[in-house]
């Protein structure tokens, strides 16, 4: 078994335009099928840990807020490196087209098992974080549950994204509240953040 869909040669084109207009974009089959399959296989052998909320001294587990498990991607892993290279291409393209000044990216796996969720939150706050863009890449397809729900600044529903292998979601970190609805089946994704600069004030763990 493996994933099969045609490799998109214009996936960057599909992101920049809609993002420039709306501040968020959802692109199906954005990453190569073979890479998505390799990442899906890899995540199932990674030691994932219960995700927490808050920075540094305030970082703590809170199962009333979120119940997913995560593991950070590393450049030492060849499969992770392939994905990070794809995101480096996206970073360069978004800088050229949208003048965002992005110079860094970090990402981790996220696993949501049956009943796991993440309550509505923002990934960044204006003036308090260097995160500019949030990204979610789904590694497997589930038929129901575990949807990513995006809201506008007035917290009105914008879109609900069903997890589907290869789908990439990009949105402004400080602009769109979002949540992950309770999962009915185990679903895997990569959550990532593009930043203005490389200073890390303690990692936070928002994961979609």
Protein backbone atom coordinates (compact mmCIF):
# COMPACT_ATOMS: atom_id res chain seq x y z
CA UNK A 1 0.00 0.00 0.00
CA UNK A 2 1.11 3.57 -0.69
CA UNK A 3 -0.33 6.95 -1.61
CA UNK A 4 -0.85 7.81 -5.24
CA UNK A 5 -1.57 11.22 -6.71
CA UNK A 6 0.19 13.25 -9.40
CA UNK A 7 3.05 15.41 -8.19
CA UNK A 8 1.95 19.03 -8.47
CA UNK A 9 4.36 21.32 -10.27
CA UNK A 10 2.46 24.48 -9.30
CA UNK A 11 1.71 23.89 -5.62
CA UNK A 12 3.48 27.11 -4.71
CA UNK A 13 1.29 29.00 -7.20
CA UNK A 14 -1.79 27.53 -5.52
CA UNK A 15 -0.76 28.92 -2.13
CA UNK A 16 0.51 32.48 -2.61
CA UNK A 17 -2.45 33.94 -4.51
CA UNK A 18 -5.31 32.78 -2.26
CA UNK A 19 -3.23 33.47 0.85
CA UNK A 20 -2.54 37.04 -0.28
CA UNK A 21 -6.29 37.58 -0.67
CA UNK A 22 -7.63 35.83 2.40
CA UNK A 23 -4.78 35.20 4.85
CA UNK A 24 -5.34 31.46 4.72
CA UNK A 25 -5.37 28.71 2.10
CA UNK A 26 -6.15 24.99 1.87
CA UNK A 27 -4.39 23.02 -0.88
CA UNK A 28 -5.03 19.32 -1.49
CA UNK A 29 -2.23 17.00 -2.65
CA UNK A 30 0.28 19.75 -1.99
CA UNK A 31 3.23 17.52 -1.16
CA UNK A 32 4.47 14.54 -3.22
CA UNK A 33 2.56 11.31 -2.54
CA UNK A 34 5.70 9.28 -1.88
CA UNK A 35 6.96 11.81 0.67
CA UNK A 36 3.59 11.92 2.43
CA UNK A 37 3.59 8.11 2.62
CA UNK A 38 7.14 8.03 4.02
CA UNK A 39 6.21 10.59 6.67
CA UNK A 40 3.09 8.60 7.57
CA UNK A 41 5.21 5.47 8.01
CA UNK A 42 7.85 7.37 9.99
CA UNK A 43 5.51 9.02 12.47
CA UNK A 44 4.17 5.64 13.59
CA UNK A 45 7.65 4.70 14.80
CA UNK A 46 8.40 7.97 16.60
CA UNK A 47 8.26 8.31 20.41
CA UNK A 48 5.48 10.89 20.74
CA UNK A 49 4.82 12.70 24.02
CA UNK A 50 1.72 14.31 25.46
CA UNK A 51 1.63 17.92 24.27
CA UNK A 52 1.49 20.83 26.68
CA UNK A 53 0.58 24.50 26.54
CA UNK A 54 2.54 27.63 27.50
CA UNK A 55 6.16 28.71 27.26
CA UNK A 56 9.14 27.64 29.34
CA UNK A 57 8.27 28.01 33.04
CA UNK A 58 4.55 28.21 32.25
CA UNK A 59 4.63 25.08 30.05
CA UNK A 60 2.32 22.41 31.42
CA UNK A 61 0.06 19.55 30.43
CA UNK A 62 -3.64 20.41 30.37
CA UNK A 63 -5.95 17.72 29.05
CA UNK A 64 -8.89 20.10 29.32
CA UNK A 65 -7.28 22.17 26.55
CA UNK A 66 -5.56 19.58 24.35
CA UNK A 67 -4.96 15.84 24.27
CA UNK A 68 -2.68 15.26 21.28
CA UNK A 69 0.82 13.77 21.26
CA UNK A 70 3.78 15.31 19.42
CA UNK A 71 7.42 14.84 18.35
CA UNK A 72 9.61 17.56 16.81
CA UNK A 73 11.03 17.08 13.32
CA UNK A 74 14.81 16.96 13.01
CA UNK A 75 17.24 17.65 10.16
CA UNK A 76 19.07 14.48 11.24
CA UNK A 77 16.19 12.39 9.90
CA UNK A 78 16.34 12.07 6.05
CA UNK A 79 12.54 11.93 5.69
CA UNK A 80 12.06 14.93 7.94
CA UNK A 81 14.71 16.74 5.94
CA UNK A 82 12.76 16.21 2.70
CA UNK A 83 9.68 17.80 4.23
CA UNK A 84 11.68 20.68 5.68
CA UNK A 85 13.15 21.28 2.22
CA UNK A 86 9.61 21.57 0.80
CA UNK A 87 8.78 24.13 3.48
CA UNK A 88 12.00 26.02 2.70
CA UNK A 89 10.77 26.39 -0.89
CA UNK A 90 7.45 27.68 0.42
CA UNK A 91 9.21 30.10 2.75
CA UNK A 92 11.27 31.52 -0.11
CA UNK A 93 8.23 31.84 -2.35
CA UNK A 94 6.10 33.56 0.29
CA UNK A 95 8.91 36.02 0.99
CA UNK A 96 9.22 36.86 -2.69
CA UNK A 97 5.50 37.20 -3.35
CA UNK A 98 4.17 38.54 -0.04
CA UNK A 99 7.25 40.23 1.48
CA UNK A 100 6.87 38.47 4.82
CA UNK A 101 10.52 38.38 5.90
CA UNK A 102 10.36 34.76 7.05
CA UNK A 103 13.73 33.30 7.99
CA UNK A 104 12.98 30.24 10.11
CA UNK A 105 10.64 27.23 10.32
CA UNK A 106 9.97 24.62 12.97
CA UNK A 107 7.55 21.70 12.92
CA UNK A 108 6.43 18.61 14.78
CA UNK A 109 4.33 15.54 14.23
CA UNK A 110 0.93 15.52 15.89
CA UNK A 111 -1.18 12.45 16.62
CA UNK A 112 -4.84 12.68 17.56
CA UNK A 113 -6.37 9.41 18.72
CA UNK A 114 -10.06 8.75 19.29
CA UNK A 115 -11.46 11.46 21.55
CA UNK A 116 -8.39 13.73 21.33
CA UNK A 117 -9.02 17.41 20.63
CA UNK A 118 -7.52 20.89 20.91
CA UNK A 119 -9.71 23.76 22.08
CA UNK A 120 -9.96 27.06 20.20
CA UNK A 121 -6.75 29.09 20.39
CA UNK A 122 -4.37 31.41 18.55
CA UNK A 123 -0.84 30.30 17.64
CA UNK A 124 0.57 33.80 18.22
CA UNK A 125 -0.37 37.19 19.65
CA UNK A 126 0.54 40.49 18.02
CA UNK A 127 3.77 41.85 19.51
CA UNK A 128 4.29 38.79 21.71
CA UNK A 129 5.50 36.14 19.26
CA UNK A 130 7.71 35.81 16.20
CA UNK A 131 5.43 33.25 14.58
CA UNK A 132 3.96 34.63 11.36
CA UNK A 133 2.44 31.69 9.48
CA UNK A 134 1.04 28.43 10.81
CA UNK A 135 0.95 25.29 8.69
CA UNK A 136 -0.77 21.93 8.92
CA UNK A 137 0.05 19.02 6.62
CA UNK A 138 -2.12 15.92 6.93
CA UNK A 139 -0.40 12.53 6.65
CA UNK A 140 -3.46 10.29 6.52
CA UNK A 141 -7.13 10.49 5.61
CA UNK A 142 -9.94 9.98 8.10
CA UNK A 143 -13.63 9.83 7.24
CA UNK A 144 -14.93 11.77 10.23
CA UNK A 145 -13.75 13.67 13.28
CA UNK A 146 -10.52 15.53 13.94
CA UNK A 147 -11.40 18.45 11.66
CA UNK A 148 -9.44 21.69 11.81
CA UNK A 149 -11.87 24.60 12.21
CA UNK A 150 -10.73 28.13 11.33
CA UNK A 151 -12.49 31.28 12.56
CA UNK A 152 -12.13 34.92 11.53
CA UNK A 153 -11.16 37.80 13.83
CA UNK A 154 -14.78 38.05 15.01
CA UNK A 155 -14.68 34.29 15.71
CA UNK A 156 -17.16 33.53 12.95
CA UNK A 157 -16.69 30.20 11.15
CA UNK A 158 -14.47 30.44 8.07
CA UNK A 159 -13.85 26.84 7.08
CA UNK A 160 -13.74 23.31 8.39
CA UNK A 161 -10.95 21.10 7.01
CA UNK A 162 -11.40 17.32 6.99
CA UNK A 163 -8.01 15.55 7.42
CA UNK A 164 -6.92 14.20 4.05
CA UNK A 165 -3.47 12.86 3.22
CA UNK A 166 -1.36 15.44 1.39
CA UNK A 167 -3.55 18.44 2.21
CA UNK A 168 -1.63 21.53 3.36
CA UNK A 169 -3.23 24.38 5.30
CA UNK A 170 -1.47 27.75 5.71
CA UNK A 171 -2.84 30.66 7.78
CA UNK A 172 -1.70 33.77 9.63
CA UNK A 173 -0.70 32.76 13.15
CA UNK A 174 -1.98 35.81 15.04
CA UNK A 175 -5.13 36.38 12.99
CA UNK A 176 -7.20 33.19 12.96
CA UNK A 177 -8.45 31.38 16.06
CA UNK A 178 -8.74 27.66 15.35
CA UNK A 179 -9.49 24.36 17.01
CA UNK A 180 -9.29 20.63 16.37
CA UNK A 181 -12.57 18.79 16.89
CA UNK A 182 -12.54 15.46 18.76
CA UNK A 183 -11.05 12.69 16.63
CA UNK A 184 -13.09 9.60 15.78
CA UNK A 185 -10.12 7.81 14.18
CA UNK A 186 -6.37 8.20 14.70
CA UNK A 187 -5.06 10.95 12.47
CA UNK A 188 -1.53 12.20 11.91
CA UNK A 189 -0.31 15.59 10.78
CA UNK A 190 2.67 17.91 10.82
CA UNK A 191 2.14 21.27 12.49
CA UNK A 192 4.67 23.96 11.63
CA UNK A 193 5.40 27.65 12.09
CA UNK A 194 7.29 30.14 9.93
CA UNK A 195 8.94 32.90 11.97
CA UNK A 196 10.29 36.42 11.46
CA UNK A 197 13.56 35.59 13.15
CA UNK A 198 15.39 32.62 14.68
CA UNK A 199 15.26 33.62 18.35
CA UNK A 200 13.19 31.02 20.17
CA UNK A 201 11.57 32.20 23.41
CA UNK A 202 10.81 28.65 24.46
CA UNK A 203 8.86 26.36 22.19
CA UNK A 204 5.10 26.26 22.42
CA UNK A 205 3.19 23.23 21.27
CA UNK A 206 0.08 24.32 19.33
CA UNK A 207 -0.46 21.39 16.97
CA UNK A 208 -3.15 20.81 14.38
